[in-house]
Amino acid sequence: MQIIFARRLTQYAQRTMTHDRIKAVLFDLGDTILNFGQVRTTKAFLAGARLSHAFLKEQGQPVAWFPWYFTRNLIRLRIRYLQSNLTHKDFNSFEVLQSVGVRQGVALSPTQWEQFAWLWYEPLSREAQVEPDLKQTLDTLRNMGVKLGIVSNTFVNRASLEKHLQQLGLLEFFPVQLYSYEHHVRKPSTELLQIAAGKIGEAHENIIFVGDRIDNDILPALASGMHAVLKDAYTNAGKATPPGARKIRLLSELPGIVEQINARTRPVRV
C-alpha cells in the first residue's frame, strides 16, 4: 500500500510541479527586441519618402513633384492611423502607400513593390539598436528547448520587418511572428496572445511574454495567464511594475529567469 501511495504521489507531483515550466518566450518587437527609443518619426518618414520617390523615378514610373508626393502619402497614412485608433485594428501601411501609387499610374512587379515598401521603412530601421549579445541570448534560450516568437502591434509590412530581422541575423530565431495588421485585433486584446499561444503550440502558463508597454504587453499577458516580463524602456520609465510581473534591464537576463521558474517547478522525488 505504501508503495502504491508513493507512486501516486510521485505522479501527482510530476504533474503539478511541471505545470508552469517555461516552454516558450514571446517578445514584443519595438523597444523590446528593436530599441528605437524616442525616434522622430516624421523625420524618418521624410527620408523614406525621398528614397521611395527616387526609386520610382529610377524605374521610369509616373511620380509627382516631391512635396506633393510626400504630403499626399503622409495625409493618407495619418487618416488611416486615426481610423485604426478608433477601431482598435491596425492596417497595412504598404497597402496604403501602394494604393496612392497605383492611382497615379505606378505599375511595379511584386519584387519592385517589396523594395518600394522597404525603402519607406529603411530610414526607421537605421534608428533601431539591439543588445550586443542578443543573438547569444536567443541561442541560449533555444538551446534550453525554449520556443521563440514575436507578437507586435504594427502597421509596417511583414516583408520589411523580416528583412530588417534578417539583416540583424535574428530572423532564424523567430519561426512564429504575429503582426497585428494581419489580424482583426491588436494588443491589449488578449485574443492576439491566444492566437500566438496556438501558433507556438504551448499553454499560456508555459509561456513568458516580454514587452516594454505595461498597458499593451504586461497586463494582457498576466490576464491571459502567461508569465510577464517588463523590459526597461522609456515607455515605462517611472511606472511601477504590476504585481505578478518581473522587470529586466536587458534581455540577457531572460535565461536566468527561465531557469528560476523551471527550478521551482522541477519534479520532486518521493
C-alpha atoms as a PDB file:
ATOM      1  CA  MET A   1       0.000   0.000   0.000  1.00  0.00           C
ATOM      2  CA  GLN A   2       2.802   2.402   0.886  1.00  0.00           C
ATOM      3  CA  ILE A   3       4.494   1.686  -2.460  1.00  0.00           C
ATOM      4  CA  ILE A   4       1.272   2.395  -4.374  1.00  0.00           C
ATOM      5  CA  PHE A   5       0.709   5.609  -2.406  1.00  0.00           C
ATOM      6  CA  ALA A   6       4.280   6.735  -3.071  1.00  0.00           C
ATOM      7  CA  ARG A   7       3.911   6.107  -6.796  1.00  0.00           C
ATOM      8  CA  ARG A   8       0.677   8.061  -6.963  1.00  0.00           C
ATOM      9  CA  LEU A   9       2.195  10.931  -5.001  1.00  0.00           C
ATOM     10  CA  THR A  10       5.154  10.998  -7.352  1.00  0.00           C
ATOM     11  CA  GLN A  11       2.862  11.070 -10.393  1.00  0.00           C
ATOM     12  CA  TYR A  12       0.831  13.898  -8.851  1.00  0.00           C
ATOM     13  CA  ALA A  13       3.952  15.869  -8.003  1.00  0.00           C
ATOM     14  CA  GLN A  14       5.273  15.472 -11.533  1.00  0.00           C
ATOM     15  CA  ARG A  15       2.001  16.705 -12.984  1.00  0.00           C
ATOM     16  CA  THR A  16       1.635  19.714 -10.701  1.00  0.00           C
ATOM     17  CA  MET A  17       5.270  20.736 -10.425  1.00  0.00           C
ATOM     18  CA  THR A  18       5.842  20.773 -14.187  1.00  0.00           C
ATOM     19  CA  HIS A  19       2.610  22.620 -14.942  1.00  0.00           C
ATOM     20  CA  ASP A  20       4.247  26.052 -15.167  1.00  0.00           C
ATOM     21  CA  ARG A  21       7.562  25.113 -16.741  1.00  0.00           C
ATOM     22  CA  ILE A  22       8.620  27.643 -19.363  1.00  0.00           C
ATOM     23  CA  LYS A  23       8.485  26.196 -22.859  1.00  0.00           C
ATOM     24  CA  ALA A  24       8.201  29.363 -24.939  1.00  0.00           C
ATOM     25  CA  VAL A  25       9.042  33.059 -24.861  1.00  0.00           C
ATOM     26  CA  LEU A  26       7.051  35.579 -26.885  1.00  0.00           C
ATOM     27  CA  PHE A  27       8.509  39.028 -27.491  1.00  0.00           C
ATOM     28  CA  ASP A  28       7.096  42.383 -28.412  1.00  0.00           C
ATOM     29  CA  LEU A  29       9.203  43.921 -31.198  1.00  0.00           C
ATOM     30  CA  GLY A  30       9.622  47.690 -30.890  1.00  0.00           C
ATOM     31  CA  ASP A  31      11.644  48.814 -27.825  1.00  0.00           C
ATOM     32  CA  THR A  32      11.907  45.195 -26.718  1.00  0.00           C
ATOM     33  CA  ILE A  33      13.951  43.443 -29.412  1.00  0.00           C
ATOM     34  CA  LEU A  34      14.500  46.511 -31.595  1.00  0.00           C
ATOM     35  CA  ASN A  35      15.249  49.543 -29.433  1.00  0.00           C
ATOM     36  CA  PHE A  36      14.088  52.647 -31.291  1.00  0.00           C
ATOM     37  CA  GLY A  37      13.809  54.988 -28.333  1.00  0.00           C
ATOM     38  CA  GLN A  38      12.099  58.347 -28.821  1.00  0.00           C
ATOM     39  CA  VAL A  39      12.708  58.480 -32.548  1.00  0.00           C
ATOM     40  CA  ARG A  40      11.498  61.412 -34.664  1.00  0.00           C
ATOM     41  CA  THR A  41       9.065  59.509 -36.869  1.00  0.00           C
ATOM     42  CA  THR A  42       8.261  62.423 -39.193  1.00  0.00           C
ATOM     43  CA  LYS A  43      11.962  62.822 -39.978  1.00  0.00           C
ATOM     44  CA  ALA A  44      12.235  59.101 -40.753  1.00  0.00           C
ATOM     45  CA  PHE A  45       9.068  59.298 -42.878  1.00  0.00           C
ATOM     46  CA  LEU A  46      10.529  62.196 -44.863  1.00  0.00           C
ATOM     47  CA  ALA A  47      13.719  60.217 -45.517  1.00  0.00           C
ATOM     48  CA  GLY A  48      11.665  57.193 -46.596  1.00  0.00           C
ATOM     49  CA  ALA A  49       9.630  59.384 -48.933  1.00  0.00           C
ATOM     50  CA  ARG A  50      12.799  60.666 -50.582  1.00  0.00           C
ATOM     51  CA  LEU A  51      14.157  57.136 -51.076  1.00  0.00           C
ATOM     52  CA  SER A  52      10.905  55.756 -52.488  1.00  0.00           C
ATOM     53  CA  HIS A  53      10.387  58.824 -54.698  1.00  0.00           C
ATOM     54  CA  ALA A  54      13.885  58.420 -56.182  1.00  0.00           C
ATOM     55  CA  PHE A  55      13.237  54.696 -56.703  1.00  0.00           C
ATOM     56  CA  LEU A  56      10.051  55.353 -58.684  1.00  0.00           C
ATOM     57  CA  LYS A  57      11.873  57.861 -60.869  1.00  0.00           C
ATOM     58  CA  GLU A  58      14.680  55.337 -61.486  1.00  0.00           C
ATOM     59  CA  GLN A  59      12.066  52.775 -62.565  1.00  0.00           C
ATOM     60  CA  GLY A  60      10.574  55.241 -65.051  1.00  0.00           C
ATOM     61  CA  GLN A  61       7.300  55.447 -63.142  1.00  0.00           C
ATOM     62  CA  PRO A  62       4.976  58.481 -63.153  1.00  0.00           C
ATOM     63  CA  VAL A  63       5.706  60.359 -59.965  1.00  0.00           C
ATOM     64  CA  ALA A  64       4.516  63.723 -58.679  1.00  0.00           C
ATOM     65  CA  TRP A  65       6.646  66.660 -57.594  1.00  0.00           C
ATOM     66  CA  PHE A  66       8.227  65.576 -54.309  1.00  0.00           C
ATOM     67  CA  PRO A  67       6.374  67.961 -51.929  1.00  0.00           C
ATOM     68  CA  TRP A  68       3.065  66.709 -53.360  1.00  0.00           C
ATOM     69  CA  TYR A  69       4.233  63.098 -53.239  1.00  0.00           C
ATOM     70  CA  PHE A  70       5.291  63.442 -49.596  1.00  0.00           C
ATOM     71  CA  THR A  71       2.176  65.319 -48.481  1.00  0.00           C
ATOM     72  CA  ARG A  72      -0.278  63.017 -50.247  1.00  0.00           C
ATOM     73  CA  ASN A  73       1.210  59.882 -48.682  1.00  0.00           C
ATOM     74  CA  LEU A  74       1.527  61.480 -45.252  1.00  0.00           C
ATOM     75  CA  ILE A  75      -2.128  62.548 -45.219  1.00  0.00           C
ATOM     76  CA  ARG A  76      -3.341  59.117 -46.317  1.00  0.00           C
ATOM     77  CA  LEU A  77      -1.321  57.379 -43.619  1.00  0.00           C
ATOM     78  CA  ARG A  78      -2.420  59.778 -40.897  1.00  0.00           C
ATOM     79  CA  ILE A  79      -6.067  59.278 -41.817  1.00  0.00           C
ATOM     80  CA  ARG A  80      -5.685  55.504 -41.613  1.00  0.00           C
ATOM     81  CA  TYR A  81      -3.784  55.837 -38.335  1.00  0.00           C
ATOM     82  CA  LEU A  82      -6.610  57.852 -36.795  1.00  0.00           C
ATOM     83  CA  GLN A  83      -9.132  55.309 -38.067  1.00  0.00           C
ATOM     84  CA  SER A  84      -7.122  52.470 -36.542  1.00  0.00           C
ATOM     85  CA  ASN A  85      -7.124  54.198 -33.160  1.00  0.00           C
ATOM     86  CA  LEU A  86     -10.909  54.457 -33.332  1.00  0.00           C
ATOM     87  CA  THR A  87     -11.455  50.849 -34.442  1.00  0.00           C
ATOM     88  CA  HIS A  88      -8.549  49.330 -32.450  1.00  0.00           C
ATOM     89  CA  LYS A  89      -7.456  47.499 -35.584  1.00  0.00           C
ATOM     90  CA  ASP A  90      -4.121  48.082 -37.279  1.00  0.00           C
ATOM     91  CA  PHE A  91      -3.672  48.482 -41.025  1.00  0.00           C
ATOM     92  CA  ASN A  92      -1.053  47.553 -43.609  1.00  0.00           C
ATOM     93  CA  SER A  93       0.822  50.772 -44.371  1.00  0.00           C
ATOM     94  CA  PHE A  94       2.256  49.256 -47.537  1.00  0.00           C
ATOM     95  CA  GLU A  95      -1.226  48.770 -48.987  1.00  0.00           C
ATOM     96  CA  VAL A  96      -2.000  52.434 -48.305  1.00  0.00           C
ATOM     97  CA  LEU A  97       1.210  53.627 -49.982  1.00  0.00           C
ATOM     98  CA  GLN A  98       0.714  51.209 -52.873  1.00  0.00           C
ATOM     99  CA  SER A  99      -2.854  52.417 -53.461  1.00  0.00           C
ATOM    100  CA  VAL A 100      -1.651  56.027 -53.674  1.00  0.00           C
ATOM    101  CA  GLY A 101       0.945  54.986 -56.252  1.00  0.00           C
ATOM    102  CA  VAL A 102      -1.450  52.897 -58.322  1.00  0.00           C
ATOM    103  CA  ARG A 103      -3.893  55.802 -58.554  1.00  0.00           C
ATOM    104  CA  GLN A 104      -1.014  57.839 -60.009  1.00  0.00           C
ATOM    105  CA  GLY A 105      -0.337  55.156 -62.621  1.00  0.00           C
ATOM    106  CA  VAL A 106       2.562  53.357 -60.922  1.00  0.00           C
ATOM    107  CA  ALA A 107       2.955  49.753 -62.107  1.00  0.00           C
ATOM    108  CA  LEU A 108       5.626  47.611 -60.474  1.00  0.00           C
ATOM    109  CA  SER A 109       6.428  43.912 -60.225  1.00  0.00           C
ATOM    110  CA  PRO A 110       5.873  42.167 -56.845  1.00  0.00           C
ATOM    111  CA  THR A 111       9.630  42.311 -56.204  1.00  0.00           C
ATOM    112  CA  GLN A 112       9.745  46.015 -57.010  1.00  0.00           C
ATOM    113  CA  TRP A 113       6.764  46.728 -54.755  1.00  0.00           C
ATOM    114  CA  GLU A 114       8.543  44.897 -51.930  1.00  0.00           C
ATOM    115  CA  GLN A 115      11.621  47.049 -52.475  1.00  0.00           C
ATOM    116  CA  PHE A 116       9.405  50.138 -52.577  1.00  0.00           C
ATOM    117  CA  ALA A 117       7.935  49.191 -49.177  1.00  0.00           C
ATOM    118  CA  TRP A 118      11.390  48.571 -47.731  1.00  0.00           C
ATOM    119  CA  LEU A 119      12.651  51.991 -48.832  1.00  0.00           C
ATOM    120  CA  TRP A 120       9.862  53.650 -46.872  1.00  0.00           C
ATOM    121  CA  TYR A 121      10.870  51.707 -43.734  1.00  0.00           C
ATOM    122  CA  GLU A 122      14.643  51.647 -44.212  1.00  0.00           C
ATOM    123  CA  PRO A 123      15.424  55.045 -42.543  1.00  0.00           C
ATOM    124  CA  LEU A 124      13.470  53.976 -39.453  1.00  0.00           C
ATOM    125  CA  SER A 125      15.291  50.633 -39.397  1.00  0.00           C
ATOM    126  CA  ARG A 126      18.591  52.505 -39.114  1.00  0.00           C
ATOM    127  CA  GLU A 127      17.393  54.054 -35.847  1.00  0.00           C
ATOM    128  CA  ALA A 128      16.976  50.664 -34.170  1.00  0.00           C
ATOM    129  CA  GLN A 129      19.581  49.302 -31.784  1.00  0.00           C
ATOM    130  CA  VAL A 130      19.848  45.777 -30.413  1.00  0.00           C
ATOM    131  CA  GLU A 131      21.714  44.437 -27.432  1.00  0.00           C
ATOM    132  CA  PRO A 132      25.238  43.398 -28.494  1.00  0.00           C
ATOM    133  CA  ASP A 133      24.801  39.870 -27.112  1.00  0.00           C
ATOM    134  CA  LEU A 134      21.196  39.417 -28.278  1.00  0.00           C
ATOM    135  CA  LYS A 135      21.970  36.549 -30.655  1.00  0.00           C
ATOM    136  CA  GLN A 136      23.820  34.745 -27.874  1.00  0.00           C
ATOM    137  CA  THR A 137      20.829  35.246 -25.549  1.00  0.00           C
ATOM    138  CA  LEU A 138      18.370  33.897 -28.112  1.00  0.00           C
ATOM    139  CA  ASP A 139      20.664  30.987 -28.906  1.00  0.00           C
ATOM    140  CA  THR A 140      20.910  30.149 -25.195  1.00  0.00           C
ATOM    141  CA  LEU A 141      17.130  30.145 -24.859  1.00  0.00           C
ATOM    142  CA  ARG A 142      16.746  27.980 -27.933  1.00  0.00           C
ATOM    143  CA  ASN A 143      19.347  25.515 -26.638  1.00  0.00           C
ATOM    144  CA  MET A 144      17.333  25.302 -23.410  1.00  0.00           C
ATOM    145  CA  GLY A 145      14.483  23.955 -25.525  1.00  0.00           C
ATOM    146  CA  VAL A 146      12.514  27.202 -25.389  1.00  0.00           C
ATOM    147  CA  LYS A 147      10.482  28.182 -28.449  1.00  0.00           C
ATOM    148  CA  LEU A 148      10.677  31.821 -29.526  1.00  0.00           C
ATOM    149  CA  GLY A 149       8.191  34.107 -31.225  1.00  0.00           C
ATOM    150  CA  ILE A 150       7.199  37.729 -31.852  1.00  0.00           C
ATOM    151  CA  VAL A 151       3.826  39.373 -31.203  1.00  0.00           C
ATOM    152  CA  SER A 152       3.772  43.026 -32.223  1.00  0.00           C
ATOM    153  CA  ASN A 153       1.301  45.830 -32.773  1.00  0.00           C
ATOM    154  CA  THR A 154       2.437  47.312 -36.067  1.00  0.00           C
ATOM    155  CA  PHE A 155       1.325  48.652 -39.427  1.00  0.00           C
ATOM    156  CA  VAL A 156       4.744  48.004 -41.009  1.00  0.00           C
ATOM    157  CA  ASN A 157       4.665  45.346 -43.716  1.00  0.00           C
ATOM    158  CA  ARG A 158       5.854  41.849 -42.717  1.00  0.00           C
ATOM    159  CA  ALA A 159       8.337  41.638 -45.607  1.00  0.00           C
ATOM    160  CA  SER A 160      10.100  44.799 -44.405  1.00  0.00           C
ATOM    161  CA  LEU A 161      10.240  43.628 -40.790  1.00  0.00           C
ATOM    162  CA  GLU A 162      11.571  40.224 -41.799  1.00  0.00           C
ATOM    163  CA  LYS A 163      14.218  41.870 -43.973  1.00  0.00           C
ATOM    164  CA  HIS A 164      15.262  44.012 -41.018  1.00  0.00           C
ATOM    165  CA  LEU A 165      15.481  40.975 -38.727  1.00  0.00           C
ATOM    166  CA  GLN A 166      17.411  39.101 -41.405  1.00  0.00           C
ATOM    167  CA  GLN A 167      19.941  41.921 -41.705  1.00  0.00           C
ATOM    168  CA  LEU A 168      20.484  41.720 -37.948  1.00  0.00           C
ATOM    169  CA  GLY A 169      20.884  37.941 -38.057  1.00  0.00           C
ATOM    170  CA  LEU A 170      17.768  37.450 -35.904  1.00  0.00           C
ATOM    171  CA  LEU A 171      15.129  36.094 -38.276  1.00  0.00           C
ATOM    172  CA  GLU A 172      16.102  32.447 -37.821  1.00  0.00           C
ATOM    173  CA  PHE A 173      15.253  32.621 -34.118  1.00  0.00           C
ATOM    174  CA  PHE A 174      11.606  33.543 -34.677  1.00  0.00           C
ATOM    175  CA  PRO A 175       9.664  30.951 -36.694  1.00  0.00           C
ATOM    176  CA  VAL A 176       6.475  32.374 -35.175  1.00  0.00           C
ATOM    177  CA  GLN A 177       5.696  36.035 -35.891  1.00  0.00           C
ATOM    178  CA  LEU A 178       2.327  37.698 -35.358  1.00  0.00           C
ATOM    179  CA  TYR A 179       1.819  41.238 -36.596  1.00  0.00           C
ATOM    180  CA  SER A 180      -1.411  42.944 -35.593  1.00  0.00           C
ATOM    181  CA  TYR A 181      -2.219  44.379 -39.020  1.00  0.00           C
ATOM    182  CA  GLU A 182      -2.646  40.797 -40.263  1.00  0.00           C
ATOM    183  CA  HIS A 183      -5.351  40.120 -37.657  1.00  0.00           C
ATOM    184  CA  HIS A 184      -8.624  41.689 -36.613  1.00  0.00           C
ATOM    185  CA  VAL A 185      -7.332  42.559 -33.145  1.00  0.00           C
ATOM    186  CA  ARG A 186      -4.309  44.141 -31.522  1.00  0.00           C
ATOM    187  CA  LYS A 187      -2.880  44.285 -28.032  1.00  0.00           C
ATOM    188  CA  PRO A 188      -4.066  44.892 -25.334  1.00  0.00           C
ATOM    189  CA  SER A 189      -6.666  42.381 -26.510  1.00  0.00           C
ATOM    190  CA  THR A 190      -5.727  39.002 -25.057  1.00  0.00           C
ATOM    191  CA  GLU A 191      -7.095  37.406 -28.221  1.00  0.00           C
ATOM    192  CA  LEU A 192      -3.860  38.154 -30.078  1.00  0.00           C
ATOM    193  CA  LEU A 193      -1.922  36.389 -27.314  1.00  0.00           C
ATOM    194  CA  GLN A 194      -4.286  33.435 -27.542  1.00  0.00           C
ATOM    195  CA  ILE A 195      -3.614  33.204 -31.268  1.00  0.00           C
ATOM    196  CA  ALA A 196       0.131  33.383 -30.595  1.00  0.00           C
ATOM    197  CA  ALA A 197      -0.047  30.616 -27.982  1.00  0.00           C
ATOM    198  CA  GLY A 198      -1.836  28.428 -30.503  1.00  0.00           C
ATOM    199  CA  LYS A 199       0.749  29.190 -33.182  1.00  0.00           C
ATOM    200  CA  ILE A 200       3.673  28.362 -30.920  1.00  0.00           C
ATOM    201  CA  GLY A 201       1.897  25.299 -29.568  1.00  0.00           C
ATOM    202  CA  GLU A 202       2.161  25.867 -25.820  1.00  0.00           C
ATOM    203  CA  ALA A 203      -0.267  26.545 -22.976  1.00  0.00           C
ATOM    204  CA  HIS A 204      -0.396  30.074 -21.593  1.00  0.00           C
ATOM    205  CA  GLU A 205       1.072  29.050 -18.245  1.00  0.00           C
ATOM    206  CA  ASN A 206       4.156  27.706 -20.062  1.00  0.00           C
ATOM    207  CA  ILE A 207       4.854  30.993 -21.863  1.00  0.00           C
ATOM    208  CA  ILE A 208       6.745  34.139 -20.889  1.00  0.00           C
ATOM    209  CA  PHE A 209       5.701  37.333 -22.635  1.00  0.00           C
ATOM    210  CA  VAL A 210       8.330  40.082 -22.775  1.00  0.00           C
ATOM    211  CA  GLY A 211       7.417  43.662 -23.649  1.00  0.00           C
ATOM    212  CA  ASP A 212       8.064  47.311 -22.866  1.00  0.00           C
ATOM    213  CA  ARG A 213       4.471  48.524 -22.521  1.00  0.00           C
ATOM    214  CA  ILE A 214       2.585  47.901 -19.293  1.00  0.00           C
ATOM    215  CA  ASP A 215      -0.791  48.560 -20.929  1.00  0.00           C
ATOM    216  CA  ASN A 216      -0.288  46.670 -24.182  1.00  0.00           C
ATOM    217  CA  ASP A 217       2.103  43.908 -23.099  1.00  0.00           C
ATOM    218  CA  ILE A 218       2.301  43.175 -19.385  1.00  0.00           C
ATOM    219  CA  LEU A 219      -1.317  43.498 -18.263  1.00  0.00           C
ATOM    220  CA  PRO A 220      -2.695  41.441 -21.187  1.00  0.00           C
ATOM    221  CA  ALA A 221      -0.052  38.755 -20.614  1.00  0.00           C
ATOM    222  CA  LEU A 222      -0.956  38.479 -16.929  1.00  0.00           C
ATOM    223  CA  ALA A 223      -4.667  38.495 -17.756  1.00  0.00           C
ATOM    224  CA  SER A 224      -4.195  35.633 -20.204  1.00  0.00           C
ATOM    225  CA  GLY A 225      -2.304  33.501 -17.673  1.00  0.00           C
ATOM    226  CA  MET A 226       1.184  33.980 -19.095  1.00  0.00           C
ATOM    227  CA  HIS A 227       4.296  34.924 -17.148  1.00  0.00           C
ATOM    228  CA  ALA A 228       5.070  38.592 -17.815  1.00  0.00           C
ATOM    229  CA  VAL A 229       8.458  40.306 -18.020  1.00  0.00           C
ATOM    230  CA  LEU A 230       8.693  44.081 -18.407  1.00  0.00           C
ATOM    231  CA  LYS A 231      11.674  45.240 -20.455  1.00  0.00           C
ATOM    232  CA  ASP A 232      13.125  48.523 -19.190  1.00  0.00           C
ATOM    233  CA  ALA A 233      12.450  51.286 -21.731  1.00  0.00           C
ATOM    234  CA  TYR A 234      11.423  54.941 -21.933  1.00  0.00           C
ATOM    235  CA  THR A 235       7.819  53.778 -22.401  1.00  0.00           C
ATOM    236  CA  ASN A 236       7.640  52.540 -18.798  1.00  0.00           C
ATOM    237  CA  ALA A 237      10.034  54.984 -17.101  1.00  0.00           C
ATOM    238  CA  GLY A 238       8.838  55.925 -13.618  1.00  0.00           C
ATOM    239  CA  LYS A 239       5.987  53.399 -13.669  1.00  0.00           C
ATOM    240  CA  ALA A 240       5.562  50.647 -11.107  1.00  0.00           C
ATOM    241  CA  THR A 241       5.897  47.082 -12.284  1.00  0.00           C
ATOM    242  CA  PRO A 242       2.474  45.388 -11.973  1.00  0.00           C
ATOM    243  CA  PRO A 243       2.144  42.718  -9.267  1.00  0.00           C
ATOM    244  CA  GLY A 244       2.978  39.300 -10.632  1.00  0.00           C
ATOM    245  CA  ALA A 245       5.348  40.621 -13.304  1.00  0.00           C
ATOM    246  CA  ARG A 246       9.131  40.736 -13.347  1.00  0.00           C
ATOM    247  CA  LYS A 247      11.257  43.589 -14.672  1.00  0.00           C
ATOM    248  CA  ILE A 248      14.569  43.321 -16.507  1.00  0.00           C
ATOM    249  CA  ARG A 249      17.028  45.854 -17.815  1.00  0.00           C
ATOM    250  CA  LEU A 250      18.465  43.587 -20.523  1.00  0.00           C
ATOM    251  CA  LEU A 251      17.122  40.631 -22.470  1.00  0.00           C
ATOM    252  CA  SER A 252      20.263  38.737 -21.476  1.00  0.00           C
ATOM    253  CA  GLU A 253      18.596  38.280 -18.061  1.00  0.00           C
ATOM    254  CA  LEU A 254      15.911  36.037 -19.567  1.00  0.00           C
ATOM    255  CA  PRO A 255      17.748  32.674 -19.469  1.00  0.00           C
ATOM    256  CA  GLY A 256      18.248  33.170 -15.728  1.00  0.00           C
ATOM    257  CA  ILE A 257      14.549  33.900 -15.236  1.00  0.00           C
ATOM    258  CA  VAL A 258      13.601  30.777 -17.174  1.00  0.00           C
ATOM    259  CA  GLU A 259      15.953  28.732 -15.011  1.00  0.00           C
ATOM    260  CA  GLN A 260      14.489  30.224 -11.815  1.00  0.00           C
ATOM    261  CA  ILE A 261      10.900  29.443 -12.819  1.00  0.00           C
ATOM    262  CA  ASN A 262      11.761  25.958 -14.007  1.00  0.00           C
ATOM    263  CA  ALA A 263      13.770  25.229 -10.859  1.00  0.00           C
ATOM    264  CA  ARG A 264      10.673  25.923  -8.796  1.00  0.00           C
ATOM    265  CA  THR A 265       8.601  23.617 -10.972  1.00  0.00           C
ATOM    266  CA  ARG A 266      11.134  20.813 -11.306  1.00  0.00           C
ATOM    267  CA  PRO A 267       9.616  17.375 -10.487  1.00  0.00           C
ATOM    268  CA  VAL A 268      10.370  16.181  -6.969  1.00  0.00           C
ATOM    269  CA  ARG A 269      11.316  12.675  -5.999  1.00  0.00           C
ATOM    270  CA  VAL A 270       9.246  10.967  -3.318  1.00  0.00           C
END
